[in-house]
């Protein structure tokens, strides 16, 4: 006869018919087996609850297999948050590397995982060191090389770091400070291209000029609004979205974003990303409507 736990060992969980369709973790007895301490053996299963009834819970693992767990054998369990999408599981470094395609003339030099960047476009992202990951040398040596790299080009040394990361703290100990102290962190946000397009399907369309070089797109409404996009490996990047103050809240930004999303979708883009200052409430409200969520925050540092 299979061994079962004492009554007080089972049944104390947050599971039931209400968790069908949710991601759950379930700890249950393994009938007929003993654990390392000599008591009943137990095991865990993580997946989506597909059914709960007739004395059995059916859990679909993320790999595709299904486990039938007798409800009487459940020791503990609870709903857990959905697994993050692939785009959210990507590291900040991996996500930031997608943006290099924005600048066709950017010059880069690898320093371990770090990327030293320089371009004719004066935007800071293209003229700062992407200091994320392991530089492959001592931190002091890495900082010295960053300083030398930009001195050779006659520009001030600037690094982009993930906000409040270990590297952010190490730079602070070396005397590096925010490049623009009054500026908030920048949020790197991502969304599903298809979801964002659905949110824009009912907007009133306007005419605009599209300049397409195959990998990059510029969308323009006269001299009143402009935005740029770049495509790389199924990711679409949006940047430089600007609308004249007198024409804001008139649908120009929505039209620019829609045009760029459609252009990216035609090329196979499934993820769209952008970067926005944390205090830009108007833009954040717009992007939230389109399904964007914050992947990570970053800031720029320079020697004191």
C-alpha atoms as a PDB file:
ATOM      1  CA  UNK A   1       0.000   0.000   0.000  1.00  0.00           C
ATOM      2  CA  UNK A   2       1.403   3.389  -0.973  1.00  0.00           C
ATOM      3  CA  UNK A   3       2.559   5.493   1.927  1.00  0.00           C
ATOM      4  CA  UNK A   4       0.858   8.873   2.402  1.00  0.00           C
ATOM      5  CA  UNK A   5       1.632  11.797   4.618  1.00  0.00           C
ATOM      6  CA  UNK A   6      -0.188  12.574   7.807  1.00  0.00           C
ATOM      7  CA  UNK A   7      -3.322  14.739   7.282  1.00  0.00           C
ATOM      8  CA  UNK A   8      -1.566  17.851   8.581  1.00  0.00           C
ATOM      9  CA  UNK A   9       1.102  17.503   5.870  1.00  0.00           C
ATOM     10  CA  UNK A  10      -1.254  17.897   2.905  1.00  0.00           C
ATOM     11  CA  UNK A  11      -3.992  20.206   1.781  1.00  0.00           C
ATOM     12  CA  UNK A  12      -2.437  23.454   3.018  1.00  0.00           C
ATOM     13  CA  UNK A  13      -1.999  25.284  -0.256  1.00  0.00           C
ATOM     14  CA  UNK A  14      -3.453  28.075  -2.359  1.00  0.00           C
ATOM     15  CA  UNK A  15      -4.568  25.845  -5.194  1.00  0.00           C
ATOM     16  CA  UNK A  16      -7.981  24.800  -6.442  1.00  0.00           C
ATOM     17  CA  UNK A  17     -10.212  25.039  -9.524  1.00  0.00           C
ATOM     18  CA  UNK A  18      -9.578  28.798  -9.602  1.00  0.00           C
ATOM     19  CA  UNK A  19      -5.956  28.289 -10.749  1.00  0.00           C
ATOM     20  CA  UNK A  20      -6.857  26.513 -14.007  1.00  0.00           C
ATOM     21  CA  UNK A  21      -5.097  28.425 -16.755  1.00  0.00           C
ATOM     22  CA  UNK A  22      -2.526  29.911 -14.366  1.00  0.00           C
ATOM     23  CA  UNK A  23       1.157  29.136 -13.896  1.00  0.00           C
ATOM     24  CA  UNK A  24       1.656  27.273 -10.602  1.00  0.00           C
ATOM     25  CA  UNK A  25       4.252  25.446  -8.585  1.00  0.00           C
ATOM     26  CA  UNK A  26       3.075  22.265  -6.858  1.00  0.00           C
ATOM     27  CA  UNK A  27       4.879  20.156  -4.265  1.00  0.00           C
ATOM     28  CA  UNK A  28       3.422  16.669  -3.953  1.00  0.00           C
ATOM     29  CA  UNK A  29       4.174  13.276  -2.456  1.00  0.00           C
ATOM     30  CA  UNK A  30       5.887  10.529  -4.433  1.00  0.00           C
ATOM     31  CA  UNK A  31       3.917   7.405  -3.437  1.00  0.00           C
ATOM     32  CA  UNK A  32       5.974   4.479  -2.254  1.00  0.00           C
ATOM     33  CA  UNK A  33       9.239   6.402  -1.918  1.00  0.00           C
ATOM     34  CA  UNK A  34      11.091   7.866   1.039  1.00  0.00           C
ATOM     35  CA  UNK A  35      13.045  11.070   1.193  1.00  0.00           C
ATOM     36  CA  UNK A  36      16.606  11.598   2.504  1.00  0.00           C
ATOM     37  CA  UNK A  37      15.360  12.077   6.077  1.00  0.00           C
ATOM     38  CA  UNK A  38      13.353   8.866   6.016  1.00  0.00           C
ATOM     39  CA  UNK A  39       9.983  10.565   5.628  1.00  0.00           C
ATOM     40  CA  UNK A  40       7.779  10.525   2.556  1.00  0.00           C
ATOM     41  CA  UNK A  41       9.512  11.634  -0.635  1.00  0.00           C
ATOM     42  CA  UNK A  42       8.252  14.801  -2.304  1.00  0.00           C
ATOM     43  CA  UNK A  43       8.874  16.496  -5.624  1.00  0.00           C
ATOM     44  CA  UNK A  44       7.942  19.770  -7.307  1.00  0.00           C
ATOM     45  CA  UNK A  45       6.321  20.461 -10.635  1.00  0.00           C
ATOM     46  CA  UNK A  46       6.182  23.896 -12.305  1.00  0.00           C
ATOM     47  CA  UNK A  47       3.841  24.641 -15.144  1.00  0.00           C
ATOM     48  CA  UNK A  48       0.347  25.698 -16.159  1.00  0.00           C
ATOM     49  CA  UNK A  49      -2.629  24.090 -14.431  1.00  0.00           C
ATOM     50  CA  UNK A  50      -4.816  22.703 -17.221  1.00  0.00           C
ATOM     51  CA  UNK A  51      -7.429  20.901 -15.147  1.00  0.00           C
ATOM     52  CA  UNK A  52      -8.567  20.469 -11.553  1.00  0.00           C
ATOM     53  CA  UNK A  53     -11.214  17.891 -10.769  1.00  0.00           C
ATOM     54  CA  UNK A  54     -12.050  14.249 -10.154  1.00  0.00           C
ATOM     55  CA  UNK A  55      -9.289  14.167  -7.562  1.00  0.00           C
ATOM     56  CA  UNK A  56      -6.538  15.113 -10.026  1.00  0.00           C
ATOM     57  CA  UNK A  57      -4.694  18.283 -11.017  1.00  0.00           C
ATOM     58  CA  UNK A  58      -3.167  18.287 -14.506  1.00  0.00           C
ATOM     59  CA  UNK A  59      -0.021  20.417 -14.828  1.00  0.00           C
ATOM     60  CA  UNK A  60       1.500  21.161 -18.250  1.00  0.00           C
ATOM     61  CA  UNK A  61       5.242  21.684 -17.959  1.00  0.00           C
ATOM     62  CA  UNK A  62       6.856  24.357 -20.103  1.00  0.00           C
ATOM     63  CA  UNK A  63       8.632  21.679 -22.101  1.00  0.00           C
ATOM     64  CA  UNK A  64       5.266  20.263 -23.222  1.00  0.00           C
ATOM     65  CA  UNK A  65       4.875  17.199 -20.961  1.00  0.00           C
ATOM     66  CA  UNK A  66       1.868  16.833 -18.636  1.00  0.00           C
ATOM     67  CA  UNK A  67       1.808  15.584 -15.072  1.00  0.00           C
ATOM     68  CA  UNK A  68      -1.288  14.276 -13.298  1.00  0.00           C
ATOM     69  CA  UNK A  69      -1.009  14.975  -9.582  1.00  0.00           C
ATOM     70  CA  UNK A  70      -3.513  13.404  -7.160  1.00  0.00           C
ATOM     71  CA  UNK A  71      -5.009  16.338  -5.263  1.00  0.00           C
ATOM     72  CA  UNK A  72      -4.823  14.332  -2.024  1.00  0.00           C
ATOM     73  CA  UNK A  73      -1.031  14.115  -2.442  1.00  0.00           C
ATOM     74  CA  UNK A  74      -0.450  17.857  -2.792  1.00  0.00           C
ATOM     75  CA  UNK A  75       1.652  19.136   0.110  1.00  0.00           C
ATOM     76  CA  UNK A  76       1.930  22.775  -0.903  1.00  0.00           C
ATOM     77  CA  UNK A  77       1.504  24.984  -3.923  1.00  0.00           C
ATOM     78  CA  UNK A  78       0.701  28.446  -5.153  1.00  0.00           C
ATOM     79  CA  UNK A  79       0.223  30.470  -8.315  1.00  0.00           C
ATOM     80  CA  UNK A  80       3.418  32.079  -9.641  1.00  0.00           C
ATOM     81  CA  UNK A  81       3.913  34.976 -12.061  1.00  0.00           C
ATOM     82  CA  UNK A  82       3.953  34.159 -15.777  1.00  0.00           C
ATOM     83  CA  UNK A  83       7.371  33.432 -17.194  1.00  0.00           C
ATOM     84  CA  UNK A  84       8.828  36.579 -18.728  1.00  0.00           C
ATOM     85  CA  UNK A  85       8.793  36.745 -22.503  1.00  0.00           C
ATOM     86  CA  UNK A  86      11.999  36.069 -24.416  1.00  0.00           C
ATOM     87  CA  UNK A  87      12.423  39.799 -24.983  1.00  0.00           C
ATOM     88  CA  UNK A  88      12.376  40.449 -21.228  1.00  0.00           C
ATOM     89  CA  UNK A  89      14.775  37.586 -20.483  1.00  0.00           C
ATOM     90  CA  UNK A  90      17.438  39.144 -22.703  1.00  0.00           C
ATOM     91  CA  UNK A  91      20.209  40.838 -20.683  1.00  0.00           C
ATOM     92  CA  UNK A  92      20.577  44.635 -20.788  1.00  0.00           C
ATOM     93  CA  UNK A  93      23.843  44.185 -22.703  1.00  0.00           C
ATOM     94  CA  UNK A  94      22.193  41.989 -25.344  1.00  0.00           C
ATOM     95  CA  UNK A  95      19.314  44.419 -25.684  1.00  0.00           C
ATOM     96  CA  UNK A  96      21.596  47.441 -26.019  1.00  0.00           C
ATOM     97  CA  UNK A  97      23.703  45.759 -28.697  1.00  0.00           C
ATOM     98  CA  UNK A  98      20.624  45.728 -30.944  1.00  0.00           C
ATOM     99  CA  UNK A  99      20.755  49.518 -31.150  1.00  0.00           C
ATOM    100  CA  UNK A 100      24.151  49.669 -32.902  1.00  0.00           C
ATOM    101  CA  UNK A 101      22.373  49.388 -36.251  1.00  0.00           C
ATOM    102  CA  UNK A 102      20.902  52.854 -35.629  1.00  0.00           C
ATOM    103  CA  UNK A 103      24.179  54.484 -36.708  1.00  0.00           C
ATOM    104  CA  UNK A 104      25.659  53.131 -39.955  1.00  0.00           C
ATOM    105  CA  UNK A 105      29.006  54.856 -39.431  1.00  0.00           C
ATOM    106  CA  UNK A 106      29.541  53.943 -35.788  1.00  0.00           C
ATOM    107  CA  UNK A 107      33.071  52.801 -34.981  1.00  0.00           C
ATOM    108  CA  UNK A 108      33.312  50.187 -32.228  1.00  0.00           C
ATOM    109  CA  UNK A 109      36.092  48.599 -30.226  1.00  0.00           C
ATOM    110  CA  UNK A 110      35.498  45.573 -28.017  1.00  0.00           C
ATOM    111  CA  UNK A 111      36.815  45.540 -24.474  1.00  0.00           C
ATOM    112  CA  UNK A 112      35.640  42.160 -23.260  1.00  0.00           C
ATOM    113  CA  UNK A 113      31.849  42.529 -23.146  1.00  0.00           C
ATOM    114  CA  UNK A 114      32.110  46.315 -23.190  1.00  0.00           C
ATOM    115  CA  UNK A 115      31.755  48.194 -26.450  1.00  0.00           C
ATOM    116  CA  UNK A 116      33.524  51.524 -27.011  1.00  0.00           C
ATOM    117  CA  UNK A 117      31.492  53.522 -29.530  1.00  0.00           C
ATOM    118  CA  UNK A 118      32.223  56.566 -31.655  1.00  0.00           C
ATOM    119  CA  UNK A 119      30.184  58.069 -34.508  1.00  0.00           C
ATOM    120  CA  UNK A 120      29.749  61.293 -36.460  1.00  0.00           C
ATOM    121  CA  UNK A 121      26.197  61.564 -35.115  1.00  0.00           C
ATOM    122  CA  UNK A 122      26.622  63.540 -31.857  1.00  0.00           C
ATOM    123  CA  UNK A 123      24.007  61.495 -29.928  1.00  0.00           C
ATOM    124  CA  UNK A 124      25.492  60.164 -26.674  1.00  0.00           C
ATOM    125  CA  UNK A 125      24.434  56.579 -27.237  1.00  0.00           C
ATOM    126  CA  UNK A 126      26.721  56.408 -30.278  1.00  0.00           C
ATOM    127  CA  UNK A 127      29.580  58.216 -28.525  1.00  0.00           C
ATOM    128  CA  UNK A 128      29.778  56.464 -25.176  1.00  0.00           C
ATOM    129  CA  UNK A 129      31.185  53.192 -23.936  1.00  0.00           C
ATOM    130  CA  UNK A 130      28.560  50.512 -23.379  1.00  0.00           C
ATOM    131  CA  UNK A 131      29.874  49.372 -19.988  1.00  0.00           C
ATOM    132  CA  UNK A 132      27.809  46.284 -19.264  1.00  0.00           C
ATOM    133  CA  UNK A 133      29.092  42.800 -18.568  1.00  0.00           C
ATOM    134  CA  UNK A 134      32.738  41.843 -18.015  1.00  0.00           C
ATOM    135  CA  UNK A 135      35.478  43.992 -19.635  1.00  0.00           C
ATOM    136  CA  UNK A 136      37.889  41.049 -19.527  1.00  0.00           C
ATOM    137  CA  UNK A 137      40.543  43.094 -17.713  1.00  0.00           C
ATOM    138  CA  UNK A 138      40.766  44.734 -14.308  1.00  0.00           C
ATOM    139  CA  UNK A 139      38.273  47.515 -13.740  1.00  0.00           C
ATOM    140  CA  UNK A 140      41.070  50.089 -13.437  1.00  0.00           C
ATOM    141  CA  UNK A 141      42.538  48.960 -16.760  1.00  0.00           C
ATOM    142  CA  UNK A 142      39.121  49.102 -18.405  1.00  0.00           C
ATOM    143  CA  UNK A 143      38.517  52.651 -17.162  1.00  0.00           C
ATOM    144  CA  UNK A 144      41.923  53.713 -18.429  1.00  0.00           C
ATOM    145  CA  UNK A 145      41.225  52.289 -21.892  1.00  0.00           C
ATOM    146  CA  UNK A 146      37.846  54.048 -22.049  1.00  0.00           C
ATOM    147  CA  UNK A 147      39.512  57.346 -21.173  1.00  0.00           C
ATOM    148  CA  UNK A 148      42.227  56.810 -23.787  1.00  0.00           C
ATOM    149  CA  UNK A 149      39.726  55.837 -26.487  1.00  0.00           C
ATOM    150  CA  UNK A 150      37.807  59.089 -26.234  1.00  0.00           C
ATOM    151  CA  UNK A 151      40.928  61.222 -25.705  1.00  0.00           C
ATOM    152  CA  UNK A 152      42.192  59.881 -29.052  1.00  0.00           C
ATOM    153  CA  UNK A 153      39.016  61.253 -30.635  1.00  0.00           C
ATOM    154  CA  UNK A 154      39.026  64.552 -28.794  1.00  0.00           C
ATOM    155  CA  UNK A 155      35.750  63.877 -27.000  1.00  0.00           C
ATOM    156  CA  UNK A 156      34.986  63.528 -23.289  1.00  0.00           C
ATOM    157  CA  UNK A 157      34.874  59.979 -21.873  1.00  0.00           C
ATOM    158  CA  UNK A 158      31.314  58.861 -21.196  1.00  0.00           C
ATOM    159  CA  UNK A 159      30.029  55.425 -20.233  1.00  0.00           C
ATOM    160  CA  UNK A 160      26.527  54.000 -20.330  1.00  0.00           C
ATOM    161  CA  UNK A 161      25.815  51.725 -17.352  1.00  0.00           C
ATOM    162  CA  UNK A 162      22.768  49.902 -16.087  1.00  0.00           C
ATOM    163  CA  UNK A 163      21.298  52.091 -13.359  1.00  0.00           C
ATOM    164  CA  UNK A 164      22.159  50.970  -9.819  1.00  0.00           C
ATOM    165  CA  UNK A 165      24.167  47.987 -11.049  1.00  0.00           C
ATOM    166  CA  UNK A 166      27.444  46.787  -9.547  1.00  0.00           C
ATOM    167  CA  UNK A 167      29.342  48.536 -12.355  1.00  0.00           C
ATOM    168  CA  UNK A 168      27.457  51.747 -11.624  1.00  0.00           C
ATOM    169  CA  UNK A 169      28.777  51.532  -8.058  1.00  0.00           C
ATOM    170  CA  UNK A 170      32.328  50.740  -9.173  1.00  0.00           C
ATOM    171  CA  UNK A 171      32.428  53.784 -11.426  1.00  0.00           C
ATOM    172  CA  UNK A 172      31.163  55.908  -8.532  1.00  0.00           C
ATOM    173  CA  UNK A 173      34.044  54.663  -6.382  1.00  0.00           C
ATOM    174  CA  UNK A 174      36.416  55.795  -9.164  1.00  0.00           C
ATOM    175  CA  UNK A 175      34.924  59.275  -8.989  1.00  0.00           C
ATOM    176  CA  UNK A 176      32.641  59.073 -12.018  1.00  0.00           C
ATOM    177  CA  UNK A 177      29.399  61.063 -11.768  1.00  0.00           C
ATOM    178  CA  UNK A 178      26.247  61.493 -13.895  1.00  0.00           C
ATOM    179  CA  UNK A 179      27.076  63.223 -17.165  1.00  0.00           C
ATOM    180  CA  UNK A 180      24.047  65.502 -16.764  1.00  0.00           C
ATOM    181  CA  UNK A 181      23.195  65.597 -13.044  1.00  0.00           C
ATOM    182  CA  UNK A 182      19.761  67.113 -13.619  1.00  0.00           C
ATOM    183  CA  UNK A 183      18.735  64.384 -16.069  1.00  0.00           C
ATOM    184  CA  UNK A 184      16.770  61.313 -14.868  1.00  0.00           C
ATOM    185  CA  UNK A 185      17.611  57.756 -15.869  1.00  0.00           C
ATOM    186  CA  UNK A 186      16.619  56.536 -19.309  1.00  0.00           C
ATOM    187  CA  UNK A 187      14.249  53.578 -19.585  1.00  0.00           C
ATOM    188  CA  UNK A 188      14.843  50.975 -22.274  1.00  0.00           C
ATOM    189  CA  UNK A 189      11.357  49.742 -23.114  1.00  0.00           C
ATOM    190  CA  UNK A 190      10.180  46.818 -25.248  1.00  0.00           C
ATOM    191  CA  UNK A 191       6.881  45.656 -26.678  1.00  0.00           C
ATOM    192  CA  UNK A 192       5.381  43.172 -29.081  1.00  0.00           C
ATOM    193  CA  UNK A 193       5.169  44.596 -32.598  1.00  0.00           C
ATOM    194  CA  UNK A 194       1.836  42.869 -33.229  1.00  0.00           C
ATOM    195  CA  UNK A 195       0.308  44.124 -29.984  1.00  0.00           C
ATOM    196  CA  UNK A 196       1.433  47.688 -30.622  1.00  0.00           C
ATOM    197  CA  UNK A 197      -0.015  47.572 -34.143  1.00  0.00           C
ATOM    198  CA  UNK A 198      -3.346  46.338 -32.801  1.00  0.00           C
ATOM    199  CA  UNK A 199      -3.453  49.304 -30.447  1.00  0.00           C
ATOM    200  CA  UNK A 200      -2.976  51.648 -33.427  1.00  0.00           C
ATOM    201  CA  UNK A 201      -5.312  50.059 -35.963  1.00  0.00           C
ATOM    202  CA  UNK A 202      -8.120  52.612 -35.506  1.00  0.00           C
ATOM    203  CA  UNK A 203      -6.098  55.830 -35.699  1.00  0.00           C
ATOM    204  CA  UNK A 204      -6.889  58.396 -38.385  1.00  0.00           C
ATOM    205  CA  UNK A 205      -4.086  58.171 -40.940  1.00  0.00           C
ATOM    206  CA  UNK A 206      -2.237  61.178 -42.349  1.00  0.00           C
ATOM    207  CA  UNK A 207       0.208  61.556 -45.236  1.00  0.00           C
ATOM    208  CA  UNK A 208       3.917  61.458 -44.465  1.00  0.00           C
ATOM    209  CA  UNK A 209       7.242  61.105 -46.215  1.00  0.00           C
ATOM    210  CA  UNK A 210       9.114  57.808 -45.777  1.00  0.00           C
ATOM    211  CA  UNK A 211      12.839  57.543 -46.504  1.00  0.00           C
ATOM    212  CA  UNK A 212      13.909  53.878 -46.540  1.00  0.00           C
ATOM    213  CA  UNK A 213      17.475  52.607 -47.016  1.00  0.00           C
ATOM    214  CA  UNK A 214      16.634  48.950 -46.350  1.00  0.00           C
ATOM    215  CA  UNK A 215      17.771  48.758 -42.730  1.00  0.00           C
ATOM    216  CA  UNK A 216      16.740  52.213 -41.514  1.00  0.00           C
ATOM    217  CA  UNK A 217      13.633  54.315 -41.990  1.00  0.00           C
ATOM    218  CA  UNK A 218      12.944  57.987 -41.478  1.00  0.00           C
ATOM    219  CA  UNK A 219       9.298  59.038 -41.255  1.00  0.00           C
ATOM    220  CA  UNK A 220       8.523  62.732 -41.540  1.00  0.00           C
ATOM    221  CA  UNK A 221       5.466  64.977 -41.528  1.00  0.00           C
ATOM    222  CA  UNK A 222       6.847  68.133 -43.111  1.00  0.00           C
ATOM    223  CA  UNK A 223       8.973  70.043 -40.641  1.00  0.00           C
ATOM    224  CA  UNK A 224       6.537  69.325 -37.812  1.00  0.00           C
ATOM    225  CA  UNK A 225       7.299  65.751 -36.842  1.00  0.00           C
ATOM    226  CA  UNK A 226      10.018  63.204 -37.475  1.00  0.00           C
ATOM    227  CA  UNK A 227      11.033  59.769 -36.216  1.00  0.00           C
ATOM    228  CA  UNK A 228      13.588  57.141 -37.174  1.00  0.00           C
ATOM    229  CA  UNK A 229      13.669  53.374 -36.975  1.00  0.00           C
ATOM    230  CA  UNK A 230      16.178  50.604 -37.616  1.00  0.00           C
ATOM    231  CA  UNK A 231      15.721  46.847 -38.045  1.00  0.00           C
ATOM    232  CA  UNK A 232      18.100  44.130 -36.910  1.00  0.00           C
ATOM    233  CA  UNK A 233      17.538  40.402 -36.264  1.00  0.00           C
ATOM    234  CA  UNK A 234      13.742  40.618 -35.747  1.00  0.00           C
ATOM    235  CA  UNK A 235      14.007  43.670 -33.441  1.00  0.00           C
ATOM    236  CA  UNK A 236      12.794  47.095 -34.499  1.00  0.00           C
ATOM    237  CA  UNK A 237      14.300  50.131 -32.773  1.00  0.00           C
ATOM    238  CA  UNK A 238      12.504  53.487 -32.626  1.00  0.00           C
ATOM    239  CA  UNK A 239      14.415  56.669 -31.872  1.00  0.00           C
ATOM    240  CA  UNK A 240      14.550  60.420 -32.421  1.00  0.00           C
ATOM    241  CA  UNK A 241      10.754  60.808 -32.248  1.00  0.00           C
ATOM    242  CA  UNK A 242      10.086  64.525 -32.149  1.00  0.00           C
ATOM    243  CA  UNK A 243       6.908  66.550 -32.684  1.00  0.00           C
ATOM    244  CA  UNK A 244       6.795  70.335 -32.682  1.00  0.00           C
ATOM    245  CA  UNK A 245       5.138  71.507 -29.436  1.00  0.00           C
ATOM    246  CA  UNK A 246       2.309  73.264 -31.307  1.00  0.00           C
ATOM    247  CA  UNK A 247       1.370  69.992 -33.082  1.00  0.00           C
ATOM    248  CA  UNK A 248       1.455  67.622 -30.138  1.00  0.00           C
ATOM    249  CA  UNK A 249      -1.606  65.551 -29.174  1.00  0.00           C
ATOM    250  CA  UNK A 250      -2.902  65.728 -32.735  1.00  0.00           C
ATOM    251  CA  UNK A 251      -2.045  62.160 -33.763  1.00  0.00           C
ATOM    252  CA  UNK A 252       1.265  62.853 -35.472  1.00  0.00           C
ATOM    253  CA  UNK A 253       3.322  60.719 -33.086  1.00  0.00           C
ATOM    254  CA  UNK A 254       0.844  57.843 -33.369  1.00  0.00           C
ATOM    255  CA  UNK A 255       1.047  57.974 -37.153  1.00  0.00           C
ATOM    256  CA  UNK A 256       4.843  58.015 -37.141  1.00  0.00           C
ATOM    257  CA  UNK A 257       4.987  55.047 -34.775  1.00  0.00           C
ATOM    258  CA  UNK A 258       2.398  53.131 -36.819  1.00  0.00           C
ATOM    259  CA  UNK A 259       4.351  53.670 -40.037  1.00  0.00           C
ATOM    260  CA  UNK A 260       7.580  52.449 -38.447  1.00  0.00           C
ATOM    261  CA  UNK A 261       5.899  49.421 -36.890  1.00  0.00           C
ATOM    262  CA  UNK A 262       4.377  48.426 -40.219  1.00  0.00           C
ATOM    263  CA  UNK A 263       7.755  48.852 -41.914  1.00  0.00           C
ATOM    264  CA  UNK A 264       9.397  46.651 -39.265  1.00  0.00           C
ATOM    265  CA  UNK A 265       6.658  44.018 -39.397  1.00  0.00           C
ATOM    266  CA  UNK A 266       7.139  43.703 -43.170  1.00  0.00           C
ATOM    267  CA  UNK A 267      10.757  42.753 -42.477  1.00  0.00           C
ATOM    268  CA  UNK A 268       9.883  40.198 -39.805  1.00  0.00           C
ATOM    269  CA  UNK A 269      10.267  42.275 -36.644  1.00  0.00           C
ATOM    270  CA  UNK A 270       8.475  40.778 -33.646  1.00  0.00           C
ATOM    271  CA  UNK A 271       9.907  43.015 -30.899  1.00  0.00           C
ATOM    272  CA  UNK A 272      10.063  46.804 -30.858  1.00  0.00           C
ATOM    273  CA  UNK A 273      12.179  48.845 -28.461  1.00  0.00           C
ATOM    274  CA  UNK A 274      12.780  52.473 -27.641  1.00  0.00           C
ATOM    275  CA  UNK A 275      14.469  54.605 -25.011  1.00  0.00           C
ATOM    276  CA  UNK A 276      12.671  57.300 -23.042  1.00  0.00           C
ATOM    277  CA  UNK A 277      13.581  59.559 -20.126  1.00  0.00           C
ATOM    278  CA  UNK A 278      11.928  58.439 -16.906  1.00  0.00           C
ATOM    279  CA  UNK A 279      10.244  61.824 -16.390  1.00  0.00           C
ATOM    280  CA  UNK A 280       8.712  62.100 -19.872  1.00  0.00           C
ATOM    281  CA  UNK A 281       5.169  61.477 -18.696  1.00  0.00           C
ATOM    282  CA  UNK A 282       3.490  62.202 -22.028  1.00  0.00           C
ATOM    283  CA  UNK A 283       5.652  59.749 -23.945  1.00  0.00           C
ATOM    284  CA  UNK A 284       5.409  57.103 -21.232  1.00  0.00           C
ATOM    285  CA  UNK A 285       1.622  57.340 -21.293  1.00  0.00           C
ATOM    286  CA  UNK A 286       1.631  56.848 -25.060  1.00  0.00           C
ATOM    287  CA  UNK A 287       4.023  53.909 -24.927  1.00  0.00           C
ATOM    288  CA  UNK A 288       2.079  52.226 -22.152  1.00  0.00           C
ATOM    289  CA  UNK A 289      -1.018  52.328 -24.356  1.00  0.00           C
ATOM    290  CA  UNK A 290       0.971  50.476 -26.997  1.00  0.00           C
ATOM    291  CA  UNK A 291       2.061  47.736 -24.584  1.00  0.00           C
ATOM    292  CA  UNK A 292       5.616  48.836 -23.816  1.00  0.00           C
ATOM    293  CA  UNK A 293       7.215  47.729 -20.555  1.00  0.00           C
ATOM    294  CA  UNK A 294      10.556  48.733 -19.059  1.00  0.00           C
ATOM    295  CA  UNK A 295      13.328  46.216 -19.728  1.00  0.00           C
ATOM    296  CA  UNK A 296      16.044  48.095 -17.811  1.00  0.00           C
ATOM    297  CA  UNK A 297      17.152  51.606 -16.882  1.00  0.00           C
ATOM    298  CA  UNK A 298      20.499  53.127 -17.730  1.00  0.00           C
ATOM    299  CA  UNK A 299      22.454  56.309 -17.113  1.00  0.00           C
ATOM    300  CA  UNK A 300      25.539  58.057 -18.453  1.00  0.00           C
ATOM    301  CA  UNK A 301      28.605  58.699 -16.308  1.00  0.00           C
ATOM    302  CA  UNK A 302      31.725  60.794 -16.815  1.00  0.00           C
ATOM    303  CA  UNK A 303      34.817  61.457 -14.664  1.00  0.00           C
ATOM    304  CA  UNK A 304      34.368  64.173 -12.057  1.00  0.00           C
END
